[in-house]
Amino acid sequence: MMMESMPDFSLSDRNFPHLKRFGAYLLGHHLQEAAEVNLALARQAEMPLLTLFAHLSEQQLLEVVKENLAVFLHHLSEHSALEHALDALHNWRKDSLPTIPRAGVATADLILGYHVRKQVLLSFVERYTQQVPEAVAIARELDLLFAHTEKYAFGLYVDLQEEMQGAVLHELQEKNKELATALEELQAAEEQLLRTNNELEVRVQERTAALSASEHQLLTITDALPGLITYIDREERYCFINKTFEDWFGIARSQAMGKRLPDVLPLFLGKEGGAAAYREIRGYIRRALAGEQLQYVARLITRGGAPKHVLVHYVPQREGGQVLGYYALFTDITEQVEAEQALKKSEARFSNLFNQNTVGMAEVDLTGKFALVNDCYCQLVGRSREELYQKRMQDISHEGDLPHNMQLFQQAVKTGSPFTIEKRYTRADGTQVWVRNAVSVVKDDHHQPLSLVAVCQDITNKKVAEQALQESRNLFQTFADSIQSLAWMSDAGGQVLWYNQRWYEYTGTTADIMRQQQGWVNFLHPDHLDAAMAHVRSAREKGVNWELTIPLKRADGEWGWFLARAIPIRDQAGAIIRWIGTSTEITEQVITQQ
């Protein structure tokens, strides 16, 4: 049934004059009491409208009822009650009861529970008969209003039922179509699922074969590794062991697989040795099973009693936050440990040798900064080890020797070539010490310079002696050059090594010319040469002094007479090592005698 076919709802509000006056009276005087009675009756009748306000408290619900009643009576007094009821019914049909606006709630309430409203108003009419003379007229008008509303509501209900049935039928048809479509899709899905299942079975077979091959490959790889690899579960049972286990301990893996660690250790360590070994590693095992990844160095006794140093890694396996077991990886570091021990021994020997050496030794980096010094070096340069470690070699070297020293230093860094230098160090007290430094370059594995090591020998006394000797030579040279006689010095065989300045002035020759010629023989008069040489040779053979009067040629070509004398110089053993001779001019005396 459509809305257009329903009975006419229009009814003039003028047909309810007494009801309007009674509603105004009720609003002005007894609204609170009317609302409370209305609420009580509504609850007794279990009206569906109350479910809309289930979340409200009693006082809040009472306020809603009072407000709706006031709105209804207000509309009634304004001659618009029926119009509002019609609007509310349309809205109710369209949007369902929960969406009816508050102004129309009273009308919806009227439709759903008109008999309740009627009884409420009639109860007031009866209660206040003395105050409302038109009680019978009010009751009649009230019956007319609610009868008309009930009639329209019933028609609306029938219409809604028909629409609902049609909608349900249409919905069932649509559902049937959807069900048929879903059935087709389900069949297609079942076929697809079957194909997928077949594909999955093939993939599972392939993956199983691949996994088996992968496990075989992994086992092959782990067996080829030089280290020992095991997996131990939470019960401390061996679940995986690689072949290195057999190589190290000389027992088959099958003897250990599935057994607990405390039961396996005695197999190759003996009962007491196995128990002791388990006590040593028990703390590490507990930490690994608690989820800690750790490593430590251990000493194992392998097949034949040979000790082996190993680096042990424990790696826990977790799943879902729980530790299922741990992987144990043992890396053989025996050679490394032995090398480190040998290195420590070598370093100890080097340290003893370095510090107990009777010569100074120092190591500096490529900038010259001291890296290592021994006690003898500290004493040599007059500084403490701590002080030297804050300085460079350049800081304590004599400034006069530093340019040449740095040239050799930088060349050694560049080429790696050693060098030797005699230089001076300035001590903390300002004194100086002469040293002979034999410097060598320390290189890395790639033959690149790392540092320089100097072996220092104190040559202060030697330098003092050389200086004294030089001073003596200078004094002798000065003395020899200042005398009037011609002086010379030869080796034990007669080869002249030195002439004084007076010789060069007299002969007009030079040292280079004297080295190129046969010495003084070229300046001896030919008539006296043979006799003079025979005399000198005889005296040299006898090792005695000799004396001759001989003529020597001057620079101007003239001849002068000289008294030549020579004496031998002997060493501590008495052997002749030098001849020293002088030639004093006696030309005037010879002429006078002639």
Protein backbone atom coordinates (compact mmCIF):
# COMPACT_ATOMS: atom_id res chain seq x y z
CA MET A 1 0.00 0.00 0.00
CA MET A 2 1.41 3.40 -1.00
CA MET A 3 1.09 6.59 1.00
CA GLU A 4 -1.27 8.12 -1.64
CA SER A 5 -3.84 5.32 -1.10
CA MET A 6 -4.00 5.78 2.66
CA PRO A 7 -6.98 7.64 4.33
CA ASP A 8 -6.77 11.39 4.48
CA PHE A 9 -4.93 12.42 7.58
CA SER A 10 -6.12 15.98 7.58
CA LEU A 11 -8.30 16.95 10.50
CA SER A 12 -8.82 20.49 11.65
CA ASP A 13 -7.30 21.36 14.96
CA ARG A 14 -10.46 23.35 15.69
CA ASN A 15 -12.14 20.03 16.59
CA PHE A 16 -10.00 19.97 19.80
CA PRO A 17 -10.66 23.25 21.65
CA HIS A 18 -11.08 21.62 25.04
CA LEU A 19 -7.99 19.45 24.57
CA LYS A 20 -5.90 22.53 23.73
CA ARG A 21 -6.95 24.34 26.88
CA PHE A 22 -6.33 21.25 28.96
CA GLY A 23 -2.87 20.84 27.42
CA ALA A 24 -1.98 24.43 28.26
CA TYR A 25 -3.22 23.93 31.78
CA LEU A 26 -1.21 20.74 32.06
CA LEU A 27 1.96 22.41 30.80
CA GLY A 28 1.61 25.25 33.26
CA HIS A 29 0.83 23.28 36.40
CA HIS A 30 1.35 19.54 36.29
CA LEU A 31 3.99 18.80 33.61
CA GLN A 32 6.47 17.21 36.06
CA GLU A 33 3.83 14.93 37.54
CA ALA A 34 2.46 14.09 34.07
CA ALA A 35 5.95 13.19 32.87
CA GLU A 36 6.57 10.90 35.84
CA VAL A 37 3.23 9.12 35.33
CA ASN A 38 3.93 8.85 31.60
CA LEU A 39 7.34 7.31 32.33
CA ALA A 40 5.87 4.79 34.74
CA LEU A 41 3.17 3.73 32.28
CA ALA A 42 5.69 3.52 29.44
CA ARG A 43 7.87 1.22 31.48
CA GLN A 44 4.91 -0.96 32.49
CA ALA A 45 3.94 -1.33 28.81
CA GLU A 46 7.60 -2.06 27.81
CA MET A 47 7.48 0.41 24.95
CA PRO A 48 10.18 -0.14 22.24
CA LEU A 49 10.89 3.56 22.31
CA LEU A 50 12.67 3.16 25.63
CA THR A 51 15.42 1.04 24.04
CA LEU A 52 16.62 4.15 22.22
CA PHE A 53 17.50 5.75 25.52
CA ALA A 54 18.95 2.74 27.33
CA HIS A 55 22.22 4.56 27.92
CA LEU A 56 20.51 7.38 29.84
CA SER A 57 20.02 7.56 33.56
CA GLU A 58 16.52 7.73 35.06
CA GLN A 59 16.72 11.46 35.58
CA GLN A 60 18.02 12.03 32.03
CA LEU A 61 15.26 9.85 30.61
CA LEU A 62 12.67 11.77 32.64
CA GLU A 63 13.94 15.00 31.16
CA VAL A 64 13.56 13.58 27.63
CA VAL A 65 9.96 12.51 28.33
CA LYS A 66 9.10 15.91 29.79
CA GLU A 67 10.60 17.65 26.80
CA ASN A 68 8.74 15.46 24.29
CA LEU A 69 5.45 15.91 26.11
CA ALA A 70 5.96 19.66 26.15
CA VAL A 71 6.71 19.67 22.43
CA PHE A 72 3.59 17.62 21.66
CA LEU A 73 1.27 19.84 23.70
CA HIS A 74 2.96 22.89 22.24
CA HIS A 75 2.25 21.71 18.71
CA LEU A 76 -1.31 20.86 19.75
CA SER A 77 -1.83 24.37 21.06
CA GLU A 78 -0.48 25.82 17.79
CA HIS A 79 -2.95 23.73 15.68
CA SER A 80 -0.03 21.74 14.14
CA ALA A 81 -0.10 18.44 15.98
CA LEU A 82 -1.40 16.44 13.03
CA GLU A 83 1.05 18.02 10.60
CA HIS A 84 3.96 17.18 12.89
CA ALA A 85 2.63 13.67 13.31
CA LEU A 86 2.51 13.25 9.53
CA ASP A 87 6.08 14.51 9.17
CA ALA A 88 7.27 12.21 11.92
CA LEU A 89 5.55 9.23 10.33
CA HIS A 90 7.17 9.94 6.97
CA ASN A 91 10.55 10.28 8.63
CA TRP A 92 10.00 7.15 10.64
CA ARG A 93 9.10 5.20 7.52
CA LYS A 94 12.09 6.57 5.70
CA ASP A 95 14.86 6.58 8.29
CA SER A 96 13.62 4.20 11.03
CA LEU A 97 12.90 5.17 14.57
CA PRO A 98 16.50 5.87 15.86
CA THR A 99 16.90 8.80 13.42
CA ILE A 100 13.61 10.60 14.23
CA PRO A 101 14.41 14.20 15.31
CA ARG A 102 13.61 15.19 18.85
CA ALA A 103 10.62 17.36 17.83
CA GLY A 104 9.03 14.29 16.24
CA VAL A 105 9.85 11.83 18.97
CA ALA A 106 6.65 12.71 20.82
CA THR A 107 4.62 11.97 17.71
CA ALA A 108 6.39 8.67 17.14
CA ASP A 109 5.80 7.92 20.78
CA LEU A 110 2.12 8.82 20.20
CA ILE A 111 1.89 6.33 17.30
CA LEU A 112 3.65 3.50 19.11
CA GLY A 113 1.88 4.02 22.42
CA TYR A 114 -1.20 6.17 21.79
CA HIS A 115 -3.20 4.21 24.34
CA VAL A 116 -0.60 5.08 26.97
CA ARG A 117 -0.92 8.81 26.21
CA LYS A 118 -4.68 8.47 26.22
CA GLN A 119 -4.62 6.77 29.59
CA VAL A 120 -2.23 9.41 30.93
CA LEU A 121 -4.47 12.29 29.87
CA LEU A 122 -7.67 10.54 30.94
CA SER A 123 -6.12 9.85 34.33
CA PHE A 124 -5.45 13.58 34.70
CA VAL A 125 -8.94 14.41 33.49
CA GLU A 126 -10.41 12.05 36.06
CA ARG A 127 -8.05 13.27 38.79
CA TYR A 128 -8.85 16.92 38.15
CA THR A 129 -12.58 16.66 37.32
CA GLN A 130 -13.41 19.39 39.75
CA GLN A 131 -10.88 21.74 38.16
CA VAL A 132 -11.64 20.79 34.52
CA PRO A 133 -15.37 21.09 33.85
CA GLU A 134 -14.92 20.05 30.23
CA ALA A 135 -13.56 16.67 31.21
CA VAL A 136 -16.04 14.71 29.14
CA ALA A 137 -15.40 16.93 26.12
CA ILE A 138 -11.66 16.59 26.55
CA ALA A 139 -11.98 12.82 26.71
CA ARG A 140 -14.11 12.80 23.57
CA GLU A 141 -11.66 15.02 21.69
CA LEU A 142 -8.80 12.86 22.90
CA ASP A 143 -10.53 9.72 21.59
CA LEU A 144 -11.08 11.42 18.24
CA LEU A 145 -7.42 12.53 17.95
CA PHE A 146 -5.94 9.16 18.81
CA ALA A 147 -8.47 7.21 16.75
CA HIS A 148 -7.57 9.26 13.68
CA THR A 149 -3.85 8.87 14.36
CA GLU A 150 -4.23 5.16 15.00
CA LYS A 151 -6.05 4.71 11.72
CA TYR A 152 -3.30 6.45 9.76
CA ALA A 153 -0.57 4.60 11.65
CA PHE A 154 -2.24 1.26 10.96
CA GLY A 155 -2.45 2.06 7.26
CA LEU A 156 1.18 3.08 7.32
CA TYR A 157 2.06 -0.15 9.11
CA VAL A 158 0.28 -2.25 6.46
CA ASP A 159 2.01 -0.31 3.70
CA LEU A 160 5.36 -0.82 5.39
CA GLN A 161 4.69 -4.56 5.79
CA GLU A 162 3.93 -4.90 2.09
CA GLU A 163 7.00 -2.95 1.16
CA MET A 164 9.03 -4.95 3.59
CA GLN A 165 7.75 -8.24 2.15
CA GLY A 166 8.49 -7.03 -1.36
CA ALA A 167 11.90 -5.89 -0.30
CA VAL A 168 12.51 -9.20 1.45
CA LEU A 169 11.40 -11.08 -1.66
CA HIS A 170 13.65 -8.94 -3.84
CA GLU A 171 16.46 -9.40 -1.39
CA LEU A 172 15.92 -13.17 -1.43
CA GLN A 173 16.05 -13.16 -5.21
CA GLU A 174 19.23 -11.13 -5.15
CA LYS A 175 20.61 -13.42 -2.51
CA ASN A 176 19.79 -16.44 -4.67
CA LYS A 177 21.61 -14.83 -7.58
CA GLU A 178 24.52 -14.01 -5.33
CA LEU A 179 24.44 -17.55 -3.96
CA ALA A 180 24.49 -19.02 -7.46
CA THR A 181 27.37 -16.74 -8.41
CA ALA A 182 29.15 -17.63 -5.17
CA LEU A 183 28.59 -21.32 -5.90
CA GLU A 184 30.13 -20.94 -9.34
CA GLU A 185 33.03 -19.01 -7.83
CA LEU A 186 33.39 -21.67 -5.15
CA GLN A 187 33.55 -24.40 -7.78
CA ALA A 188 36.10 -22.41 -9.73
CA ALA A 189 38.01 -21.79 -6.51
CA GLU A 190 37.92 -25.52 -5.72
CA GLU A 191 39.32 -26.30 -9.14
CA GLN A 192 41.99 -23.63 -8.72
CA LEU A 193 42.73 -24.93 -5.23
CA LEU A 194 43.14 -28.42 -6.63
CA ARG A 195 45.54 -27.16 -9.30
CA THR A 196 47.39 -25.11 -6.70
CA ASN A 197 47.57 -28.11 -4.38
CA ASN A 198 49.07 -30.20 -7.17
CA GLU A 199 51.56 -27.45 -7.93
CA LEU A 200 52.41 -27.17 -4.24
CA GLU A 201 52.99 -30.92 -4.01
CA VAL A 202 55.39 -30.68 -6.95
CA ARG A 203 57.11 -27.69 -5.38
CA VAL A 204 57.33 -29.45 -2.03
CA GLN A 205 58.95 -32.44 -3.70
CA GLU A 206 61.35 -30.13 -5.54
CA ARG A 207 62.06 -28.14 -2.38
CA THR A 208 62.55 -31.35 -0.41
CA ALA A 209 65.03 -32.59 -2.99
CA ALA A 210 66.74 -29.19 -3.04
CA LEU A 211 66.81 -29.10 0.77
CA SER A 212 68.30 -32.56 0.87
CA ALA A 213 70.93 -31.49 -1.65
CA SER A 214 71.52 -28.29 0.30
CA GLU A 215 71.92 -30.21 3.54
CA HIS A 216 74.35 -32.57 1.83
CA GLN A 217 76.22 -29.58 0.41
CA LEU A 218 76.23 -27.87 3.82
CA LEU A 219 77.52 -31.04 5.45
CA THR A 220 80.21 -31.30 2.77
CA ILE A 221 81.22 -27.69 3.34
CA THR A 222 81.26 -27.95 7.14
CA ASP A 223 83.24 -31.18 6.92
CA ALA A 224 85.80 -29.40 4.74
CA LEU A 225 86.27 -26.57 7.22
CA PRO A 226 89.36 -26.78 9.42
CA GLY A 227 87.43 -25.72 12.53
CA LEU A 228 85.15 -27.80 14.73
CA ILE A 229 81.39 -27.04 14.46
CA THR A 230 78.70 -28.52 16.72
CA TYR A 231 75.08 -27.78 17.63
CA ILE A 232 73.87 -28.55 21.16
CA ASP A 233 70.22 -28.28 22.23
CA ARG A 234 68.74 -27.13 25.53
CA GLU A 235 69.27 -30.59 27.02
CA GLU A 236 72.97 -30.25 26.16
CA ARG A 237 72.71 -33.02 23.56
CA TYR A 238 74.80 -33.13 20.40
CA CYS A 239 72.50 -32.58 17.39
CA PHE A 240 75.18 -31.81 14.78
CA ILE A 241 78.93 -32.49 14.55
CA ASN A 242 81.23 -31.94 11.59
CA LYS A 243 84.08 -34.25 10.58
CA THR A 244 86.75 -32.18 12.36
CA PHE A 245 85.45 -33.76 15.58
CA GLU A 246 86.72 -37.14 14.39
CA ASP A 247 90.04 -35.69 13.22
CA TRP A 248 90.69 -33.92 16.52
CA PHE A 249 89.52 -36.51 19.02
CA GLY A 250 89.80 -39.78 17.10
CA ILE A 251 86.24 -40.99 17.78
CA ALA A 252 83.32 -41.35 15.35
CA ARG A 253 80.59 -38.73 15.28
CA SER A 254 77.99 -41.46 15.71
CA GLN A 255 79.34 -42.13 19.19
CA ALA A 256 78.48 -38.57 20.27
CA MET A 257 75.30 -37.75 18.30
CA GLY A 258 72.24 -37.60 20.56
CA LYS A 259 74.29 -37.87 23.75
CA ARG A 260 74.68 -35.20 26.40
CA LEU A 261 77.87 -33.18 26.59
CA PRO A 262 78.87 -34.49 30.08
CA ASP A 263 78.65 -38.06 28.70
CA VAL A 264 80.69 -37.33 25.54
CA LEU A 265 83.69 -35.56 27.08
CA PRO A 266 84.86 -38.66 29.01
CA LEU A 267 85.00 -40.61 25.71
CA PHE A 268 88.23 -38.85 24.72
CA LEU A 269 89.35 -37.23 27.99
CA GLY A 270 88.69 -40.04 30.43
CA LYS A 271 86.26 -39.97 33.33
CA GLU A 272 88.12 -37.48 35.52
CA GLY A 273 89.37 -35.37 32.63
CA GLY A 274 85.88 -35.19 31.10
CA ALA A 275 84.31 -34.15 34.40
CA ALA A 276 86.97 -31.48 34.94
CA ALA A 277 86.54 -30.16 31.39
CA TYR A 278 82.76 -29.97 31.82
CA ARG A 279 83.17 -28.00 35.06
CA GLU A 280 85.37 -25.49 33.23
CA ILE A 281 82.87 -24.81 30.45
CA ARG A 282 79.60 -25.24 32.36
CA GLY A 283 79.34 -21.51 33.09
CA TYR A 284 79.78 -20.65 29.40
CA ILE A 285 77.12 -23.19 28.42
CA ARG A 286 74.58 -21.72 30.84
CA ARG A 287 75.22 -18.23 29.50
CA ALA A 288 74.76 -19.42 25.91
CA LEU A 289 71.50 -21.22 26.77
CA ALA A 290 70.36 -18.00 28.47
CA GLY A 291 70.71 -16.27 25.10
CA GLU A 292 74.16 -14.67 25.40
CA GLN A 293 76.53 -14.77 22.41
CA LEU A 294 80.09 -15.11 23.71
CA GLN A 295 83.60 -16.24 22.92
CA TYR A 296 86.58 -17.43 24.94
CA VAL A 297 89.97 -19.09 24.46
CA ALA A 298 90.36 -22.67 25.64
CA ARG A 299 92.99 -25.40 25.63
CA LEU A 300 91.88 -28.81 24.36
CA ILE A 301 93.60 -32.17 24.66
CA THR A 302 93.19 -33.85 21.27
CA ARG A 303 93.99 -37.30 19.93
CA GLY A 304 97.26 -38.63 21.26
CA GLY A 305 97.31 -36.11 24.11
CA ALA A 306 98.41 -33.23 21.92
CA PRO A 307 97.26 -29.85 23.30
CA LYS A 308 95.42 -27.48 20.97
CA HIS A 309 94.55 -23.84 21.63
CA VAL A 310 91.14 -22.87 20.25
CA LEU A 311 88.99 -19.75 20.01
CA VAL A 312 85.44 -20.79 20.96
CA HIS A 313 82.31 -18.96 19.75
CA TYR A 314 78.87 -19.75 21.22
CA VAL A 315 75.95 -18.51 19.07
CA PRO A 316 72.45 -19.13 20.58
CA GLN A 317 69.56 -20.20 18.31
CA ARG A 318 66.28 -18.43 19.13
CA GLU A 319 62.75 -19.14 18.00
CA GLY A 320 59.74 -17.21 19.27
CA GLY A 321 61.84 -15.57 21.96
CA GLN A 322 63.04 -18.93 23.32
CA VAL A 323 66.59 -20.32 23.08
CA LEU A 324 66.45 -23.79 21.51
CA GLY A 325 70.18 -24.45 21.69
CA TYR A 326 73.48 -23.01 20.56
CA TYR A 327 76.11 -23.42 17.85
CA ALA A 328 79.68 -23.95 19.06
CA LEU A 329 82.49 -23.01 16.66
CA PHE A 330 86.06 -23.96 17.58
CA THR A 331 88.87 -22.27 15.61
CA ASP A 332 92.39 -23.68 15.94
CA ILE A 333 94.68 -20.82 17.03
CA THR A 334 97.55 -23.01 18.24
CA GLU A 335 100.05 -21.51 15.78
CA GLN A 336 98.90 -18.00 16.66
CA VAL A 337 99.16 -18.63 20.41
CA GLU A 338 102.56 -20.26 20.03
CA ALA A 339 103.68 -17.39 17.80
CA GLU A 340 102.46 -14.88 20.38
CA GLN A 341 104.26 -16.78 23.13
CA ALA A 342 107.43 -16.90 21.02
CA LEU A 343 107.00 -13.21 20.29
CA LYS A 344 106.66 -12.45 23.98
CA LYS A 345 109.81 -14.44 24.70
CA SER A 346 111.59 -12.69 21.86
CA GLU A 347 110.37 -9.32 23.10
CA ALA A 348 111.53 -10.22 26.60
CA ARG A 349 114.96 -11.21 25.30
CA PHE A 350 115.11 -8.09 23.18
CA SER A 351 114.06 -5.98 26.14
CA ASN A 352 116.78 -7.53 28.30
CA LEU A 353 119.34 -7.10 25.54
CA PHE A 354 118.15 -3.61 24.76
CA ASN A 355 118.17 -2.39 28.36
CA GLN A 356 121.29 -4.23 29.51
CA ASN A 357 123.41 -3.27 26.52
CA THR A 358 126.60 -1.34 27.31
CA VAL A 359 126.00 1.03 24.42
CA GLY A 360 123.17 3.48 24.05
CA MET A 361 120.22 2.42 21.90
CA ALA A 362 117.30 4.57 20.80
CA GLU A 363 114.36 4.16 18.42
CA VAL A 364 112.64 7.17 16.86
CA ASP A 365 109.69 7.47 14.50
CA LEU A 366 109.90 9.00 11.04
CA THR A 367 109.61 12.50 12.52
CA GLY A 368 112.48 11.96 14.94
CA LYS A 369 110.31 11.54 18.07
CA PHE A 370 111.74 9.08 20.59
CA ALA A 371 109.78 5.84 20.83
CA LEU A 372 112.19 3.65 22.82
CA VAL A 373 115.47 4.27 24.70
CA ASN A 374 117.58 2.12 26.99
CA ASP A 375 119.20 3.08 30.26
CA CYS A 376 122.63 3.51 28.72
CA TYR A 377 121.27 6.01 26.19
CA CYS A 378 119.58 7.98 28.99
CA GLN A 379 122.88 8.14 30.88
CA LEU A 380 124.73 9.06 27.70
CA VAL A 381 122.54 12.07 26.89
CA GLY A 382 121.95 13.00 30.54
CA ARG A 383 118.12 12.85 30.42
CA SER A 384 115.40 10.63 31.89
CA ARG A 385 113.39 8.19 29.78
CA GLU A 386 110.16 10.12 30.49
CA GLU A 387 111.77 13.37 29.35
CA LEU A 388 113.11 11.82 26.15
CA TYR A 389 109.69 10.36 25.22
CA GLN A 390 108.42 13.94 25.05
CA LYS A 391 111.21 15.07 22.71
CA ARG A 392 112.65 14.53 19.26
CA MET A 393 116.16 13.60 18.30
CA GLN A 394 116.50 17.11 16.84
CA ASP A 395 115.73 18.68 20.23
CA ILE A 396 118.87 17.32 21.91
CA SER A 397 121.26 17.41 18.92
CA HIS A 398 123.93 20.11 18.71
CA GLU A 399 122.79 22.82 16.32
CA GLY A 400 126.11 22.71 14.49
CA ASP A 401 125.68 19.03 13.64
CA LEU A 402 121.91 19.10 12.97
CA PRO A 403 121.84 20.12 9.24
CA HIS A 404 124.10 17.25 8.19
CA ASN A 405 122.32 14.88 10.58
CA MET A 406 118.86 15.74 9.16
CA GLN A 407 120.11 15.33 5.60
CA LEU A 408 121.24 11.79 6.37
CA PHE A 409 118.05 11.12 8.40
CA GLN A 410 115.70 12.15 5.59
CA GLN A 411 117.72 10.25 3.03
CA ALA A 412 117.47 7.10 5.18
CA VAL A 413 113.67 7.53 5.48
CA LYS A 414 113.41 7.95 1.73
CA THR A 415 115.76 5.16 0.61
CA GLY A 416 115.87 2.87 3.65
CA SER A 417 119.69 3.01 3.65
CA PRO A 418 121.61 2.99 6.95
CA PHE A 419 124.18 5.62 7.82
CA THR A 420 126.83 6.40 10.43
CA ILE A 421 127.43 9.83 11.87
CA GLU A 422 129.63 11.39 14.51
CA LYS A 423 127.72 14.15 16.25
CA ARG A 424 127.19 15.92 19.53
CA TYR A 425 124.28 15.72 21.98
CA THR A 426 123.54 18.55 24.39
CA ARG A 427 122.77 17.25 27.87
CA ALA A 428 120.22 18.75 30.24
CA ASP A 429 123.00 20.47 32.19
CA GLY A 430 124.30 22.13 29.02
CA THR A 431 127.37 19.93 28.60
CA GLN A 432 128.02 18.12 25.34
CA VAL A 433 128.86 14.51 24.55
CA TRP A 434 130.31 13.20 21.30
CA VAL A 435 128.75 10.00 19.92
CA ARG A 436 129.11 7.76 16.91
CA ASN A 437 125.59 6.75 15.82
CA ALA A 438 125.12 3.70 13.61
CA VAL A 439 121.58 4.27 12.31
CA SER A 440 119.48 1.59 10.60
CA VAL A 441 115.91 1.66 9.25
CA VAL A 442 113.15 -0.63 10.58
CA LYS A 443 110.75 -1.64 7.77
CA ASP A 444 107.28 -3.20 7.69
CA ASP A 445 106.13 -6.24 5.72
CA HIS A 446 105.85 -4.07 2.62
CA HIS A 447 109.43 -2.81 3.01
CA GLN A 448 108.25 0.64 3.99
CA PRO A 449 110.15 2.53 6.74
CA LEU A 450 108.52 2.37 10.18
CA SER A 451 111.21 3.83 12.43
CA LEU A 452 114.95 4.33 12.82
CA VAL A 453 117.18 2.68 15.42
CA ALA A 454 120.47 4.24 16.49
CA VAL A 455 123.28 2.42 18.31
CA CYS A 456 125.20 5.16 20.12
CA GLN A 457 128.81 4.88 21.24
CA ASP A 458 130.39 7.52 23.42
CA ILE A 459 133.48 8.87 21.59
CA THR A 460 133.97 11.96 23.71
CA ASN A 461 137.44 10.81 24.89
CA LYS A 462 138.42 9.95 21.34
CA LYS A 463 137.30 13.36 20.16
CA VAL A 464 139.17 15.04 22.99
CA ALA A 465 142.30 13.07 22.07
CA GLU A 466 141.88 13.90 18.39
CA GLN A 467 141.42 17.55 19.27
CA ALA A 468 144.53 17.48 21.43
CA LEU A 469 146.42 15.71 18.66
CA GLN A 470 145.22 18.24 16.13
CA GLU A 471 146.27 21.04 18.42
CA SER A 472 149.65 19.35 18.79
CA ARG A 473 149.89 19.02 15.02
CA ASN A 474 148.96 22.61 14.56
CA LEU A 475 151.55 23.63 17.13
CA PHE A 476 154.19 21.43 15.48
CA GLN A 477 153.25 22.78 12.04
CA THR A 478 153.48 26.33 13.29
CA PHE A 479 156.82 25.63 14.91
CA ALA A 480 158.17 23.74 11.88
CA ASP A 481 157.06 26.48 9.50
CA SER A 482 158.68 29.18 11.61
CA ILE A 483 162.23 27.72 11.75
CA GLN A 484 164.84 28.64 9.14
CA SER A 485 165.85 25.05 8.38
CA LEU A 486 164.17 22.94 5.75
CA ALA A 487 162.27 20.16 7.60
CA TRP A 488 160.69 16.94 6.36
CA MET A 489 159.18 13.64 7.59
CA SER A 490 159.15 10.22 5.89
CA ASP A 491 157.79 6.76 6.62
CA ALA A 492 159.97 3.85 7.69
CA GLY A 493 160.92 3.13 4.05
CA GLY A 494 162.03 6.66 3.32
CA GLN A 495 158.93 7.89 1.44
CA VAL A 496 158.62 11.60 2.40
CA LEU A 497 155.20 12.40 3.85
CA TRP A 498 155.59 16.03 4.85
CA TYR A 499 157.70 19.18 4.22
CA ASN A 500 157.62 22.41 6.14
CA GLN A 501 156.76 25.74 4.60
CA ARG A 502 160.46 26.77 4.46
CA TRP A 503 161.12 23.88 2.00
CA TYR A 504 158.45 25.14 -0.46
CA GLU A 505 159.72 28.70 -0.17
CA TYR A 506 163.30 27.67 -0.88
CA THR A 507 162.57 25.23 -3.72
CA GLY A 508 159.66 27.18 -5.20
CA THR A 509 157.61 24.00 -5.53
CA THR A 510 154.23 22.85 -4.12
CA ALA A 511 152.86 19.85 -2.26
CA ASP A 512 151.19 18.48 -5.41
CA ILE A 513 154.43 18.68 -7.36
CA MET A 514 156.30 16.99 -4.55
CA ARG A 515 153.79 14.11 -4.56
CA GLN A 516 154.14 13.69 -8.34
CA GLN A 517 157.94 13.77 -8.36
CA GLN A 518 160.49 11.61 -6.58
CA GLY A 519 160.74 13.97 -3.65
CA TRP A 520 163.86 15.80 -2.61
CA VAL A 521 166.17 13.79 -4.89
CA ASN A 522 165.31 16.06 -7.83
CA PHE A 523 166.73 19.01 -5.94
CA LEU A 524 170.08 17.29 -5.03
CA HIS A 525 173.14 18.13 -7.14
CA PRO A 526 173.89 15.26 -9.56
CA ASP A 527 177.55 15.11 -8.51
CA HIS A 528 176.55 14.28 -4.93
CA LEU A 529 173.47 12.11 -5.66
CA ASP A 530 174.99 8.61 -5.59
CA ALA A 531 177.14 9.17 -2.49
CA ALA A 532 174.28 10.82 -0.61
CA MET A 533 171.78 8.06 -1.45
CA ALA A 534 174.27 5.35 -0.45
CA HIS A 535 174.90 7.04 2.87
CA VAL A 536 171.19 7.44 3.63
CA ARG A 537 170.43 3.86 2.61
CA SER A 538 173.19 2.52 4.87
CA ALA A 539 171.94 4.53 7.87
CA ARG A 540 168.33 3.46 7.27
CA GLU A 541 169.34 -0.19 7.15
CA LYS A 542 171.25 0.18 10.39
CA GLY A 543 168.51 2.30 11.95
CA VAL A 544 170.91 5.03 13.06
CA ASN A 545 171.05 8.78 12.68
CA TRP A 546 172.68 10.14 9.58
CA GLU A 547 174.25 13.49 8.61
CA LEU A 548 175.38 14.90 5.21
CA THR A 549 176.63 18.15 3.67
CA ILE A 550 174.89 18.45 0.30
CA PRO A 551 174.04 21.13 -2.27
CA LEU A 552 170.27 21.80 -2.99
CA LYS A 553 168.81 23.80 -5.86
CA ARG A 554 167.01 27.06 -5.03
CA ALA A 555 163.88 28.38 -6.75
CA ASP A 556 166.06 30.73 -8.89
CA GLY A 557 168.20 27.78 -10.08
CA GLU A 558 171.23 28.55 -7.90
CA TRP A 559 172.76 26.01 -5.52
CA GLY A 560 173.02 26.34 -1.79
CA TRP A 561 174.92 24.17 0.67
CA PHE A 562 172.97 22.45 3.50
CA LEU A 563 173.84 20.36 6.52
CA ALA A 564 171.23 17.57 6.39
CA ARG A 565 170.51 15.45 9.47
CA ALA A 566 167.88 12.70 10.15
CA ILE A 567 166.88 10.68 13.20
CA PRO A 568 164.53 7.63 13.43
CA ILE A 569 161.24 7.65 15.44
CA ARG A 570 160.40 4.33 17.03
CA ASP A 571 157.21 2.80 18.55
CA GLN A 572 156.96 1.17 21.96
CA ALA A 573 158.36 -2.07 20.55
CA GLY A 574 161.41 -0.25 19.20
CA ALA A 575 160.47 -0.52 15.53
CA ILE A 576 161.14 2.52 13.31
CA ILE A 577 157.88 4.13 12.15
CA ARG A 578 159.11 7.54 11.00
CA TRP A 579 162.22 9.53 10.00
CA ILE A 580 162.45 13.23 10.80
CA GLY A 581 165.07 15.33 9.12
CA THR A 582 166.24 18.95 8.82
CA SER A 583 168.46 20.73 6.33
CA THR A 584 170.22 23.87 7.60
CA GLU A 585 171.80 26.20 5.04
CA ILE A 586 175.59 26.62 5.46
CA THR A 587 176.41 28.21 2.09
CA GLU A 588 178.37 31.12 3.60
CA GLN A 589 180.43 28.84 5.83
CA VAL A 590 181.31 26.58 2.87
CA ILE A 591 182.31 29.58 0.75
CA THR A 592 184.44 30.95 3.56
CA GLN A 593 186.18 27.63 4.00
CA GLN A 594 186.81 27.40 0.27
